Amino acid sequence: MKLLTELRSIVRGSILENEPMSRHTTYGIGGPVTAFITPCDKDDLSSILRFSKRHKIKTYFVGTGSNILFSDKGIKGIVVTPAKALNSLEFNENFLVAESGVMLGRIVKESLKRNLTGMESLIGVPGTLGGALVMNAGAFGSEISNTLYNVDVMKMDGDVITLHRNEIDFKYRFSTFLDDEFILLARFHLKKEDPSKIKEKKEKASMGRKSSQPLRFRSAGSVFKNPPNNAAGYLIDQVGLKGTKVGGAEISNHHANFFVNHGNASARDIIDLIRMARTEVYKKFNVKLELEIKTIGIENKDLESYAH
């Protein structure tokens, strides 16, 4: 492939060809992508994005692969990850400045060391900062956008722009970041807090996660968003689907909004469970469950309820 040869010549970081995405997702599921690239720095990233735009190559941005379901067939295109390259984390008084590849756990830990509050509810949430911002990750009543000040993003032409908090629309598990915007870094304005109060919030979030989520098995986190004034896991439980298995996938007995991989699950297995849950919940409660996980290489029609 001529384009792949040219791409290899410009990438200074690492490039893996025909790489199974099952190696790069928390689900352990996903077929091959044409190229999986970890740029070595921002200049390398700029060259890669400009190349992709010039040749109209479909490009996806993935952190640690949490909250994502890739197609079994794989995709024609490239996946760019910041996870090992863009991982700088700094503090300037009450401001936290972190690049998109920084793990959320590290952000929580370093903030707590400085008695800064605003991030402790994210303890145990998997993934990198970039992905967390795109989906407006949160837990136990708090969202990552609550303390956001501004964000630097790189466009596909390599230009970098700064978006202030009021220029981004955040909602429950939603943001208006565009698919062609690569988050470089974000700045957060945190507040000093009494260490005992921060510790109490952290422990509450940690205990809540350990008691309610199937952490022993591979998953992508919550499959569905919670409907208004309700909980997706409760609705799925109420229609009797907790513990339902398809192939190597199961609707967790621990939390019905977690679909787990017992080792040999395929994307097709997860899709079948998604359709089943949507169908039964709609039939009994007239509620349409909306996906929280991101799907890549899977058509929307394949994810709809059987009653659609």
Protein backbone atom coordinates (compact mmCIF):
# COMPACT_ATOMS: atom_id res chain seq x y z
CA MET A 1 0.00 0.00 0.00
CA LYS A 2 1.66 3.16 -1.28
CA LEU A 3 0.03 5.45 1.30
CA LEU A 4 1.15 3.22 4.16
CA THR A 5 4.73 3.32 2.89
CA GLU A 6 4.58 7.12 2.78
CA LEU A 7 2.99 7.24 6.23
CA ARG A 8 5.79 5.10 7.66
CA SER A 9 8.31 7.58 6.30
CA ILE A 10 6.80 10.54 8.19
CA VAL A 11 5.94 8.93 11.55
CA ARG A 12 8.72 9.42 14.12
CA GLY A 13 6.83 7.67 16.90
CA SER A 14 5.63 4.07 16.73
CA ILE A 15 3.42 2.63 14.00
CA LEU A 16 1.85 -0.83 14.12
CA GLU A 17 0.33 -2.09 10.87
CA ASN A 18 -2.77 -4.26 10.58
CA GLU A 19 -2.94 -4.09 14.36
CA PRO A 20 -5.80 -5.86 16.23
CA MET A 21 -7.68 -3.35 18.36
CA SER A 22 -8.38 -6.13 20.85
CA ARG A 23 -4.88 -5.38 22.14
CA HIS A 24 -5.74 -1.75 22.81
CA THR A 25 -9.20 -1.77 24.40
CA THR A 26 -10.36 -2.56 27.92
CA TYR A 27 -12.92 -4.91 26.37
CA GLY A 28 -10.19 -6.95 24.66
CA ILE A 29 -12.37 -6.90 21.54
CA GLY A 30 -11.79 -5.53 18.04
CA GLY A 31 -10.44 -6.42 14.62
CA PRO A 32 -7.42 -4.93 12.84
CA VAL A 33 -6.89 -1.26 12.01
CA THR A 34 -4.71 -0.28 9.05
CA ALA A 35 -2.26 1.57 11.32
CA PHE A 36 -2.08 2.17 15.06
CA ILE A 37 0.12 5.19 15.73
CA THR A 38 1.64 6.68 18.86
CA PRO A 39 3.20 10.04 17.91
CA CYS A 40 6.38 10.96 19.77
CA ASP A 41 5.44 14.64 20.22
CA LYS A 42 3.12 17.41 18.98
CA ASP A 43 5.12 18.02 15.79
CA ASP A 44 4.86 14.34 14.92
CA LEU A 45 1.12 14.45 15.62
CA SER A 46 0.75 17.51 13.38
CA SER A 47 2.49 15.74 10.49
CA ILE A 48 0.28 12.66 10.90
CA LEU A 49 -2.96 14.65 10.99
CA ARG A 50 -2.00 16.75 7.97
CA PHE A 51 -1.12 13.58 6.06
CA SER A 52 -4.49 12.04 6.96
CA LYS A 53 -6.38 15.14 5.88
CA ARG A 54 -4.47 15.44 2.62
CA HIS A 55 -5.16 11.82 1.68
CA LYS A 56 -8.68 11.73 3.19
CA ILE A 57 -7.80 8.85 5.53
CA LYS A 58 -10.36 8.09 8.23
CA THR A 59 -8.69 8.88 11.56
CA TYR A 60 -9.77 7.92 15.06
CA PHE A 61 -8.44 9.19 18.38
CA VAL A 62 -8.23 6.60 21.18
CA GLY A 63 -6.68 6.79 24.65
CA THR A 64 -6.50 3.53 26.59
CA GLY A 65 -9.51 2.12 24.75
CA SER A 66 -11.97 2.27 27.64
CA ASN A 67 -15.63 2.97 26.84
CA ILE A 68 -15.17 1.80 23.21
CA LEU A 69 -16.44 -1.17 21.22
CA PHE A 70 -14.59 -1.87 17.96
CA SER A 71 -15.99 -3.98 15.14
CA ASP A 72 -14.79 -7.58 14.82
CA LYS A 73 -14.00 -6.88 11.16
CA GLY A 74 -11.73 -3.99 12.04
CA ILE A 75 -11.57 -0.70 10.15
CA LYS A 76 -9.77 0.84 7.21
CA GLY A 77 -8.09 3.90 8.64
CA ILE A 78 -5.67 4.90 11.36
CA VAL A 79 -5.95 5.10 15.12
CA VAL A 80 -3.87 7.75 16.85
CA THR A 81 -3.26 7.47 20.59
CA PRO A 82 -1.66 10.02 22.93
CA ALA A 83 -1.42 7.60 25.83
CA LYS A 84 2.38 7.18 25.90
CA ALA A 85 3.50 10.46 24.40
CA LEU A 86 1.41 13.36 25.67
CA ASN A 87 1.57 12.69 29.41
CA SER A 88 2.86 15.86 31.05
CA LEU A 89 1.15 16.96 34.29
CA GLU A 90 1.89 20.25 36.07
CA PHE A 91 0.41 22.39 38.83
CA ASN A 92 0.56 26.18 39.09
CA GLU A 93 -0.98 27.12 42.43
CA ASN A 94 -4.64 26.02 42.04
CA PHE A 95 -4.38 25.36 38.31
CA LEU A 96 -3.80 21.86 36.98
CA VAL A 97 -2.39 21.57 33.45
CA ALA A 98 -2.43 18.07 31.94
CA GLU A 99 -1.83 16.64 28.48
CA SER A 100 -4.45 14.36 26.97
CA GLY A 101 -2.54 11.13 27.52
CA VAL A 102 -2.39 11.50 31.31
CA MET A 103 -4.31 8.78 33.14
CA LEU A 104 -7.22 9.97 35.27
CA GLY A 105 -5.91 8.03 38.26
CA ARG A 106 -2.69 10.03 38.20
CA ILE A 107 -4.62 13.32 38.05
CA VAL A 108 -6.69 12.32 41.09
CA LYS A 109 -3.60 11.20 43.04
CA GLU A 110 -1.54 14.33 42.34
CA SER A 111 -4.47 16.65 43.09
CA LEU A 112 -5.07 14.96 46.44
CA LYS A 113 -1.39 15.35 47.36
CA ARG A 114 -1.86 19.11 47.08
CA ASN A 115 -5.20 19.19 48.94
CA LEU A 116 -6.99 20.31 45.78
CA THR A 117 -10.61 19.28 45.36
CA GLY A 118 -12.62 18.73 42.19
CA MET A 119 -11.17 15.50 40.81
CA GLU A 120 -11.54 12.99 43.64
CA SER A 121 -14.87 11.52 42.42
CA LEU A 122 -13.05 10.27 39.29
CA ILE A 123 -10.96 7.82 41.31
CA GLY A 124 -11.09 4.41 39.66
CA VAL A 125 -12.47 5.77 36.38
CA PRO A 126 -10.30 4.16 33.68
CA GLY A 127 -8.81 5.97 30.74
CA THR A 128 -6.97 9.11 29.79
CA LEU A 129 -7.86 12.78 30.16
CA GLY A 130 -8.61 13.26 26.45
CA GLY A 131 -11.25 10.57 26.31
CA ALA A 132 -12.72 11.67 29.64
CA LEU A 133 -13.25 15.20 28.31
CA VAL A 134 -14.85 14.03 25.07
CA MET A 135 -17.46 11.99 26.94
CA ASN A 136 -17.64 14.38 29.93
CA ALA A 137 -16.80 11.52 32.26
CA GLY A 138 -18.09 11.62 35.78
CA ALA A 139 -19.24 9.66 38.76
CA PHE A 140 -21.31 10.12 41.89
CA GLY A 141 -22.77 13.48 40.89
CA SER A 142 -19.59 15.10 39.60
CA GLU A 143 -18.33 15.61 36.02
CA ILE A 144 -14.86 16.41 34.71
CA SER A 145 -16.17 19.57 33.00
CA ASN A 146 -17.12 21.11 36.38
CA THR A 147 -13.60 22.43 37.02
CA LEU A 148 -12.44 22.88 33.40
CA TYR A 149 -10.89 26.25 32.50
CA ASN A 150 -9.84 25.76 28.86
CA VAL A 151 -8.58 23.19 26.35
CA ASP A 152 -5.97 23.21 23.57
CA VAL A 153 -7.01 21.15 20.54
CA MET A 154 -5.19 20.38 17.29
CA LYS A 155 -7.21 20.41 14.08
CA MET A 156 -6.54 18.06 11.16
CA ASP A 157 -4.52 20.79 9.41
CA GLY A 158 -2.13 20.88 12.37
CA ASP A 159 -3.36 24.21 13.71
CA VAL A 160 -3.79 24.51 17.48
CA ILE A 161 -6.68 26.49 18.97
CA THR A 162 -7.70 27.16 22.56
CA LEU A 163 -11.33 26.61 23.54
CA HIS A 164 -12.57 28.18 26.74
CA ARG A 165 -15.09 26.42 28.95
CA ASN A 166 -17.99 28.57 27.71
CA GLU A 167 -17.20 27.66 24.08
CA ILE A 168 -17.84 23.96 24.73
CA ASP A 169 -21.28 22.54 25.41
CA PHE A 170 -21.15 19.84 28.05
CA LYS A 171 -24.10 17.69 29.04
CA TYR A 172 -24.48 14.32 30.73
CA ARG A 173 -21.86 12.06 29.05
CA PHE A 174 -21.68 14.49 26.11
CA SER A 175 -19.51 17.28 24.72
CA THR A 176 -19.34 19.24 21.48
CA PHE A 177 -15.71 18.38 20.69
CA LEU A 178 -15.59 17.50 17.00
CA ASP A 179 -14.30 14.23 15.55
CA ASP A 180 -11.49 16.14 13.80
CA GLU A 181 -10.27 17.81 17.00
CA PHE A 182 -7.43 16.13 18.88
CA ILE A 183 -7.29 17.28 22.50
CA LEU A 184 -3.72 18.22 23.38
CA LEU A 185 -4.05 19.47 26.93
CA ALA A 186 -6.51 20.92 29.38
CA ARG A 187 -6.34 23.38 32.25
CA PHE A 188 -8.47 23.01 35.36
CA HIS A 189 -9.13 25.49 38.16
CA LEU A 190 -9.27 23.52 41.39
CA LYS A 191 -9.89 24.69 44.96
CA LYS A 192 -8.06 24.13 48.22
CA GLU A 193 -10.00 21.97 50.62
CA ASP A 194 -9.60 20.49 54.06
CA PRO A 195 -7.69 17.19 53.55
CA SER A 196 -10.16 15.22 55.67
CA LYS A 197 -13.10 16.36 53.52
CA ILE A 198 -11.29 15.45 50.30
CA LYS A 199 -10.39 12.04 51.73
CA GLU A 200 -14.03 11.47 52.69
CA LYS A 201 -15.21 12.27 49.13
CA LYS A 202 -12.51 10.05 47.63
CA GLU A 203 -13.31 7.08 49.87
CA LYS A 204 -17.03 7.43 49.20
CA ALA A 205 -16.42 7.33 45.44
CA SER A 206 -13.95 4.45 45.75
CA MET A 207 -16.24 2.33 47.92
CA GLY A 208 -19.20 3.05 45.64
CA ARG A 209 -17.27 1.85 42.62
CA LYS A 210 -15.93 -1.29 44.30
CA SER A 211 -19.33 -2.28 45.68
CA SER A 212 -21.37 -1.67 42.52
CA GLN A 213 -19.13 -2.56 39.57
CA PRO A 214 -17.75 -5.88 38.24
CA LEU A 215 -14.10 -4.87 38.40
CA ARG A 216 -12.79 -8.46 38.07
CA PHE A 217 -13.83 -8.79 34.42
CA ARG A 218 -13.01 -6.94 31.22
CA SER A 219 -15.61 -4.34 30.29
CA ALA A 220 -15.99 -0.90 28.75
CA GLY A 221 -17.74 0.62 31.74
CA SER A 222 -21.40 1.60 31.57
CA VAL A 223 -22.95 0.51 28.26
CA PHE A 224 -25.94 2.88 28.38
CA LYS A 225 -26.51 6.39 29.65
CA ASN A 226 -28.92 6.63 32.54
CA PRO A 227 -32.33 7.86 31.33
CA PRO A 228 -33.73 10.97 33.09
CA ASN A 229 -34.73 10.15 36.67
CA ASN A 230 -33.84 6.51 36.22
CA ALA A 231 -30.93 4.08 36.01
CA ALA A 232 -30.18 1.91 32.99
CA GLY A 233 -28.86 -0.92 35.15
CA TYR A 234 -32.07 -0.98 37.21
CA LEU A 235 -34.26 -1.13 34.08
CA ILE A 236 -32.20 -3.96 32.57
CA ASP A 237 -32.38 -5.83 35.87
CA GLN A 238 -36.16 -5.35 36.05
CA VAL A 239 -36.69 -7.03 32.67
CA GLY A 240 -34.80 -10.07 33.92
CA LEU A 241 -31.65 -9.80 31.80
CA LYS A 242 -29.04 -9.71 34.56
CA GLY A 243 -26.73 -12.68 34.02
CA THR A 244 -27.83 -13.22 30.39
CA LYS A 245 -25.00 -14.61 28.25
CA VAL A 246 -24.32 -14.53 24.51
CA GLY A 247 -21.12 -16.28 23.47
CA GLY A 248 -18.35 -15.05 25.74
CA ALA A 249 -20.23 -11.92 26.83
CA GLU A 250 -22.55 -11.49 29.80
CA ILE A 251 -24.80 -8.83 31.28
CA SER A 252 -23.09 -8.66 34.66
CA ASN A 253 -24.80 -10.15 37.70
CA HIS A 254 -23.06 -7.45 39.71
CA HIS A 255 -24.32 -4.43 37.73
CA ALA A 256 -26.69 -4.86 34.79
CA ASN A 257 -25.33 -1.83 32.90
CA PHE A 258 -21.94 -3.54 32.62
CA PHE A 259 -21.56 -6.10 29.83
CA VAL A 260 -18.44 -8.13 30.54
CA ASN A 261 -16.07 -10.20 28.44
CA HIS A 262 -15.28 -13.56 30.03
CA GLY A 263 -12.31 -14.05 27.73
CA ASN A 264 -13.53 -14.92 24.26
CA ALA A 265 -16.36 -12.47 23.59
CA SER A 266 -16.75 -10.84 20.19
CA ALA A 267 -18.21 -7.48 19.29
CA ARG A 268 -21.14 -9.41 17.82
CA ASP A 269 -21.83 -10.93 21.26
CA ILE A 270 -21.90 -7.48 22.89
CA ILE A 271 -24.08 -6.10 20.07
CA ASP A 272 -26.60 -8.91 20.56
CA LEU A 273 -26.82 -8.09 24.28
CA ILE A 274 -27.21 -4.38 23.51
CA ARG A 275 -30.11 -5.07 21.14
CA MET A 276 -31.70 -7.46 23.61
CA ALA A 277 -31.52 -4.93 26.47
CA ARG A 278 -32.90 -2.12 24.31
CA THR A 279 -35.74 -4.30 23.09
CA GLU A 280 -36.89 -5.60 26.47
CA VAL A 281 -36.58 -2.24 28.28
CA TYR A 282 -38.56 -0.49 25.55
CA LYS A 283 -41.26 -3.18 25.58
CA LYS A 284 -41.76 -3.00 29.35
CA PHE A 285 -41.01 0.65 30.18
CA ASN A 286 -41.35 2.49 26.83
CA VAL A 287 -37.83 3.84 27.44
CA LYS A 288 -35.24 4.04 24.67
CA LEU A 289 -31.79 3.33 26.07
CA GLU A 290 -29.04 5.55 24.64
CA LEU A 291 -25.51 4.18 24.31
CA GLU A 292 -22.79 5.59 26.51
CA ILE A 293 -20.02 3.49 24.98
CA LYS A 294 -18.63 4.66 21.65
CA THR A 295 -18.78 2.20 18.76
CA ILE A 296 -16.34 2.21 15.84
CA GLY A 297 -16.89 0.30 12.62
CA ILE A 298 -20.41 -0.73 13.67
CA GLU A 299 -23.51 0.61 11.93
CA ASN A 300 -26.24 2.21 14.03
CA LYS A 301 -28.89 -0.06 12.55
CA ASP A 302 -27.04 -3.07 13.98
CA LEU A 303 -27.39 -1.59 17.47
CA GLU A 304 -31.10 -0.77 17.39
CA SER A 305 -33.67 -2.70 19.39
CA TYR A 306 -35.49 -5.54 17.70
CA ALA A 307 -38.71 -3.60 18.32
CA HIS A 308 -37.43 -0.54 16.43
